[in-house]
């Protein structure tokens, strides 16, 4: 195997290990007062502490056939899916950025977005302990970031948070009720910090478009009314990941469209 292939394998393995820890974060962070370190990993049903061989990412789930080795309770598919998702994202980050500072920074950013997606899906919240420090780290990282300048990062925070705050304010003014949580506003500010203000048109449009399509489809299938809450964080995070990997292509086609050369 070539050196790059070996490094790619290691980055994928790193992704599975970090994905295993992200599962702990997803489970414990929304619980006020819970530690991310203590107690050790255990079955949430029988509370039995897991052996080391029950903590191997992905493989343990397959070996145990999706059941606790102690009480035989069913293990959520979330665990291997998050581990596999982080493994795939880690490998893609290496293929895009190589073993550079950009890889390290965006590895942290990607991990944060994956946690946001899962917590918002489960609890309809985006913890301030993720998006606020994430925005600050994004600005600090921009001083060594070879992809995004500090000016673009700072403007991304201001415009990202400001645009969604304005949308939420107008919606509340017209409908007399909250239509977008503060977590979404702070999340877009964090995204702007890491990807720069240039990402905002795509992230806002694509997340709104996909959110509307999936939201309407879900409401129709479940036969719910329009007051049913649909988490927006996963759509913002998904759009941010797409832009991070395909920004050159997105910006190219956007410039063609704005110049009237496409379609």
Protein backbone atom coordinates (compact mmCIF):
# COMPACT_ATOMS: atom_id res chain seq x y z
CA UNK A 1 0.00 0.00 0.00
CA UNK A 2 1.12 3.56 -0.68
CA UNK A 3 1.77 5.95 2.23
CA UNK A 4 -1.38 7.92 1.38
CA UNK A 5 -3.47 4.74 1.47
CA UNK A 6 -2.05 3.82 4.87
CA UNK A 7 -2.82 7.30 6.23
CA UNK A 8 -6.32 7.10 4.76
CA UNK A 9 -6.94 3.81 6.57
CA UNK A 10 -5.73 5.33 9.84
CA UNK A 11 -7.94 8.42 9.41
CA UNK A 12 -10.95 6.18 8.82
CA UNK A 13 -10.11 4.17 11.96
CA UNK A 14 -9.68 7.44 13.86
CA UNK A 15 -13.14 8.44 12.66
CA UNK A 16 -14.73 5.28 14.08
CA UNK A 17 -13.03 5.82 17.45
CA UNK A 18 -14.08 9.47 17.63
CA UNK A 19 -17.55 8.46 16.44
CA UNK A 20 -17.80 6.13 19.42
CA UNK A 21 -17.05 9.05 21.74
CA UNK A 22 -19.55 11.24 19.87
CA UNK A 23 -22.23 8.70 20.74
CA UNK A 24 -21.46 9.35 24.41
CA UNK A 25 -21.70 13.11 23.81
CA UNK A 26 -25.02 12.72 21.98
CA UNK A 27 -26.43 10.65 24.83
CA UNK A 28 -25.13 12.62 27.81
CA UNK A 29 -24.75 16.25 26.75
CA UNK A 30 -28.52 17.03 26.74
CA UNK A 31 -28.77 15.66 30.29
CA UNK A 32 -27.98 18.47 32.67
CA UNK A 33 -25.29 17.52 35.14
CA UNK A 34 -24.12 14.39 33.30
CA UNK A 35 -20.38 13.95 32.83
CA UNK A 36 -18.96 13.01 29.43
CA UNK A 37 -16.24 10.97 31.13
CA UNK A 38 -17.79 9.34 34.18
CA UNK A 39 -19.19 6.78 34.65
CA UNK A 40 -17.58 4.46 32.14
CA UNK A 41 -19.57 3.21 29.17
CA UNK A 42 -22.50 1.08 30.29
CA UNK A 43 -25.79 -0.35 29.09
CA UNK A 44 -28.52 2.31 29.51
CA UNK A 45 -31.04 -0.40 30.40
CA UNK A 46 -29.32 -2.71 32.92
CA UNK A 47 -26.50 -0.22 33.75
CA UNK A 48 -23.87 -2.98 33.47
CA UNK A 49 -20.40 -1.63 32.70
CA UNK A 50 -19.21 -2.68 29.26
CA UNK A 51 -16.10 -4.78 28.75
CA UNK A 52 -13.38 -3.49 26.41
CA UNK A 53 -14.43 -5.90 23.66
CA UNK A 54 -17.98 -4.51 23.86
CA UNK A 55 -16.66 -1.04 23.08
CA UNK A 56 -14.96 -1.69 19.74
CA UNK A 57 -16.57 0.68 17.21
CA UNK A 58 -18.95 -1.03 14.75
CA UNK A 59 -17.46 -4.50 15.31
CA UNK A 60 -18.87 -4.86 18.82
CA UNK A 61 -22.37 -4.09 17.52
CA UNK A 62 -22.01 -6.81 14.89
CA UNK A 63 -20.44 -9.28 17.33
CA UNK A 64 -23.23 -8.73 19.88
CA UNK A 65 -25.86 -8.83 17.11
CA UNK A 66 -27.25 -5.49 18.20
CA UNK A 67 -28.04 -6.61 21.74
CA UNK A 68 -26.55 -5.95 25.18
CA UNK A 69 -24.27 -8.79 26.22
CA UNK A 70 -25.69 -8.65 29.74
CA UNK A 71 -29.46 -8.07 29.60
CA UNK A 72 -30.00 -8.68 25.87
CA UNK A 73 -31.73 -5.31 25.46
CA UNK A 74 -31.67 -4.01 21.88
CA UNK A 75 -28.83 -1.58 21.08
CA UNK A 76 -29.84 1.45 19.04
CA UNK A 77 -28.67 1.54 15.42
CA UNK A 78 -27.51 5.07 16.19
CA UNK A 79 -24.24 3.75 17.61
CA UNK A 80 -22.79 2.02 14.52
CA UNK A 81 -24.34 4.59 12.16
CA UNK A 82 -22.64 7.53 13.91
CA UNK A 83 -19.34 5.62 14.00
CA UNK A 84 -19.58 4.76 10.30
CA UNK A 85 -20.63 8.32 9.41
CA UNK A 86 -17.66 9.82 11.25
CA UNK A 87 -15.34 7.24 9.65
CA UNK A 88 -16.58 8.19 6.16
CA UNK A 89 -16.37 11.92 6.89
CA UNK A 90 -12.86 11.54 8.31
CA UNK A 91 -11.70 9.70 5.19
CA UNK A 92 -13.28 12.34 2.94
CA UNK A 93 -11.59 15.11 4.93
CA UNK A 94 -8.21 13.49 4.36
CA UNK A 95 -8.89 13.09 0.65
CA UNK A 96 -9.81 16.78 0.39
CA UNK A 97 -7.27 18.44 2.69
CA UNK A 98 -4.53 15.87 3.16
CA UNK A 99 -2.71 15.62 6.47
CA UNK A 100 -2.74 19.38 7.07
CA UNK A 101 -3.95 21.85 9.68
CA UNK A 102 -7.17 22.16 7.66
CA UNK A 103 -7.81 18.45 8.21
CA UNK A 104 -7.44 18.82 11.98
CA UNK A 105 -9.62 21.91 12.21
CA UNK A 106 -12.40 20.63 9.99
CA UNK A 107 -12.30 17.26 11.73
CA UNK A 108 -13.38 19.07 14.91
CA UNK A 109 -15.97 21.10 12.98
CA UNK A 110 -17.40 17.97 11.35
CA UNK A 111 -17.58 16.18 14.70
CA UNK A 112 -19.52 19.11 16.16
CA UNK A 113 -21.99 19.13 13.25
CA UNK A 114 -22.61 15.38 13.59
CA UNK A 115 -23.42 15.83 17.29
CA UNK A 116 -25.71 18.77 16.48
CA UNK A 117 -27.59 16.71 13.89
CA UNK A 118 -28.30 13.85 16.28
CA UNK A 119 -29.15 15.94 19.36
CA UNK A 120 -31.48 18.22 17.41
CA UNK A 121 -33.23 15.21 15.87
CA UNK A 122 -33.77 13.65 19.28
CA UNK A 123 -34.35 16.65 21.54
CA UNK A 124 -35.11 19.64 19.25
CA UNK A 125 -32.29 21.61 20.85
CA UNK A 126 -28.80 22.73 19.85
CA UNK A 127 -26.66 23.03 22.99
CA UNK A 128 -24.91 26.38 23.54
CA UNK A 129 -21.91 24.35 24.69
CA UNK A 130 -21.38 23.38 21.04
CA UNK A 131 -22.28 26.34 18.84
CA UNK A 132 -20.92 29.20 20.96
CA UNK A 133 -17.43 27.71 21.61
CA UNK A 134 -17.55 26.38 18.04
CA UNK A 135 -17.97 29.90 16.64
CA UNK A 136 -15.07 31.20 18.74
CA UNK A 137 -12.84 28.29 17.70
CA UNK A 138 -13.77 28.89 14.07
CA UNK A 139 -12.61 32.50 14.29
CA UNK A 140 -9.39 31.55 16.09
CA UNK A 141 -8.68 28.78 13.61
CA UNK A 142 -9.15 31.18 10.71
CA UNK A 143 -5.78 32.79 11.56
CA UNK A 144 -4.03 29.56 10.49
CA UNK A 145 -6.75 28.23 8.19
CA UNK A 146 -5.43 27.91 4.62
CA UNK A 147 -9.00 27.83 3.27
CA UNK A 148 -10.84 30.70 5.02
CA UNK A 149 -9.39 34.08 6.01
CA UNK A 150 -10.05 35.68 9.39
CA UNK A 151 -11.96 38.50 7.69
CA UNK A 152 -14.27 36.04 5.94
CA UNK A 153 -14.70 34.06 9.17
CA UNK A 154 -15.59 37.11 11.24
CA UNK A 155 -18.02 38.35 8.61
CA UNK A 156 -19.48 34.84 8.45
CA UNK A 157 -20.30 34.95 12.17
CA UNK A 158 -21.90 38.40 11.97
CA UNK A 159 -23.87 37.77 8.80
CA UNK A 160 -24.75 34.16 9.61
CA UNK A 161 -26.19 34.93 13.01
CA UNK A 162 -27.65 38.24 11.84
CA UNK A 163 -29.53 36.87 8.84
CA UNK A 164 -31.31 34.11 10.74
CA UNK A 165 -32.00 36.44 13.65
CA UNK A 166 -33.69 38.85 11.23
CA UNK A 167 -35.72 36.03 9.66
CA UNK A 168 -36.80 34.79 13.09
CA UNK A 169 -37.71 38.33 14.19
CA UNK A 170 -39.82 39.00 11.09
CA UNK A 171 -41.57 35.63 11.43
CA UNK A 172 -42.36 36.26 15.09
CA UNK A 173 -43.62 39.76 14.23
CA UNK A 174 -45.94 38.49 11.48
CA UNK A 175 -47.14 35.26 13.10
CA UNK A 176 -46.91 36.30 16.74
CA UNK A 177 -45.03 33.11 17.62
CA UNK A 178 -41.49 31.78 17.48
CA UNK A 179 -40.66 30.04 14.22
CA UNK A 180 -36.93 29.47 14.66
CA UNK A 181 -34.98 28.70 17.80
CA UNK A 182 -31.97 30.65 18.98
CA UNK A 183 -29.89 27.50 18.57
CA UNK A 184 -30.32 27.63 14.78
CA UNK A 185 -29.17 31.25 14.73
CA UNK A 186 -26.05 30.46 16.73
CA UNK A 187 -25.41 27.35 14.64
CA UNK A 188 -25.36 29.37 11.42
CA UNK A 189 -22.96 31.81 13.09
CA UNK A 190 -20.67 28.86 13.88
CA UNK A 191 -20.95 27.60 10.31
CA UNK A 192 -20.06 31.07 9.03
CA UNK A 193 -17.02 31.15 11.32
CA UNK A 194 -15.63 27.92 9.89
CA UNK A 195 -16.64 28.24 6.24
CA UNK A 196 -16.65 32.02 5.78
CA UNK A 197 -19.43 34.34 4.69
CA UNK A 198 -19.24 32.97 1.13
CA UNK A 199 -20.98 29.76 2.27
CA UNK A 200 -24.08 31.53 3.57
CA UNK A 201 -26.15 31.87 0.36
CA UNK A 202 -25.82 28.16 -0.40
CA UNK A 203 -26.25 26.96 3.20
CA UNK A 204 -29.34 29.09 3.80
CA UNK A 205 -31.00 28.32 0.45
CA UNK A 206 -30.19 24.61 0.36
CA UNK A 207 -31.17 23.99 4.00
CA UNK A 208 -34.42 25.93 3.57
CA UNK A 209 -35.26 24.08 0.34
CA UNK A 210 -34.50 20.58 1.64
CA UNK A 211 -36.08 21.39 5.01
CA UNK A 212 -39.30 22.48 3.31
CA UNK A 213 -39.46 19.41 1.05
CA UNK A 214 -38.70 16.89 3.79
CA UNK A 215 -40.83 18.75 6.35
CA UNK A 216 -43.91 18.86 4.11
CA UNK A 217 -43.43 15.22 3.13
CA UNK A 218 -43.07 14.15 6.76
CA UNK A 219 -46.15 16.10 7.83
CA UNK A 220 -48.14 14.53 4.99
CA UNK A 221 -47.02 10.97 5.78
CA UNK A 222 -47.56 11.34 9.53
CA UNK A 223 -50.76 13.33 8.96
CA UNK A 224 -49.65 16.13 11.29
CA UNK A 225 -50.66 19.78 11.13
CA UNK A 226 -48.28 22.64 10.28
CA UNK A 227 -47.73 23.46 13.95
CA UNK A 228 -45.64 20.29 14.32
CA UNK A 229 -42.03 21.14 15.11
CA UNK A 230 -39.38 20.18 12.55
CA UNK A 231 -35.73 20.51 13.67
CA UNK A 232 -33.79 22.80 11.33
CA UNK A 233 -30.30 22.12 12.71
CA UNK A 234 -29.78 18.90 10.70
CA UNK A 235 -30.56 20.73 7.44
CA UNK A 236 -28.16 23.59 8.25
CA UNK A 237 -25.46 21.11 9.26
CA UNK A 238 -25.99 18.94 6.18
CA UNK A 239 -25.77 21.95 3.87
CA UNK A 240 -22.58 23.07 5.65
CA UNK A 241 -20.97 19.65 5.12
CA UNK A 242 -21.89 19.66 1.44
CA UNK A 243 -20.42 23.14 1.00
CA UNK A 244 -17.25 22.19 2.88
CA UNK A 245 -16.53 19.32 0.48
CA UNK A 246 -17.80 20.88 -2.76
CA UNK A 247 -17.30 24.63 -2.26
CA UNK A 248 -15.26 25.07 -5.43
CA UNK A 249 -17.96 23.52 -7.62
CA UNK A 250 -20.80 25.33 -5.83
CA UNK A 251 -19.08 28.73 -6.10
CA UNK A 252 -18.28 28.10 -9.77
CA UNK A 253 -21.87 27.33 -10.74
CA UNK A 254 -23.16 30.17 -8.56
CA UNK A 255 -20.91 32.63 -10.39
CA UNK A 256 -22.11 31.27 -13.74
CA UNK A 257 -25.71 31.70 -12.65
CA UNK A 258 -25.20 35.25 -11.36
CA UNK A 259 -23.39 36.23 -14.56
CA UNK A 260 -26.26 34.90 -16.66
CA UNK A 261 -24.17 32.19 -18.33
CA UNK A 262 -26.07 29.27 -16.75
CA UNK A 263 -28.42 27.61 -17.35
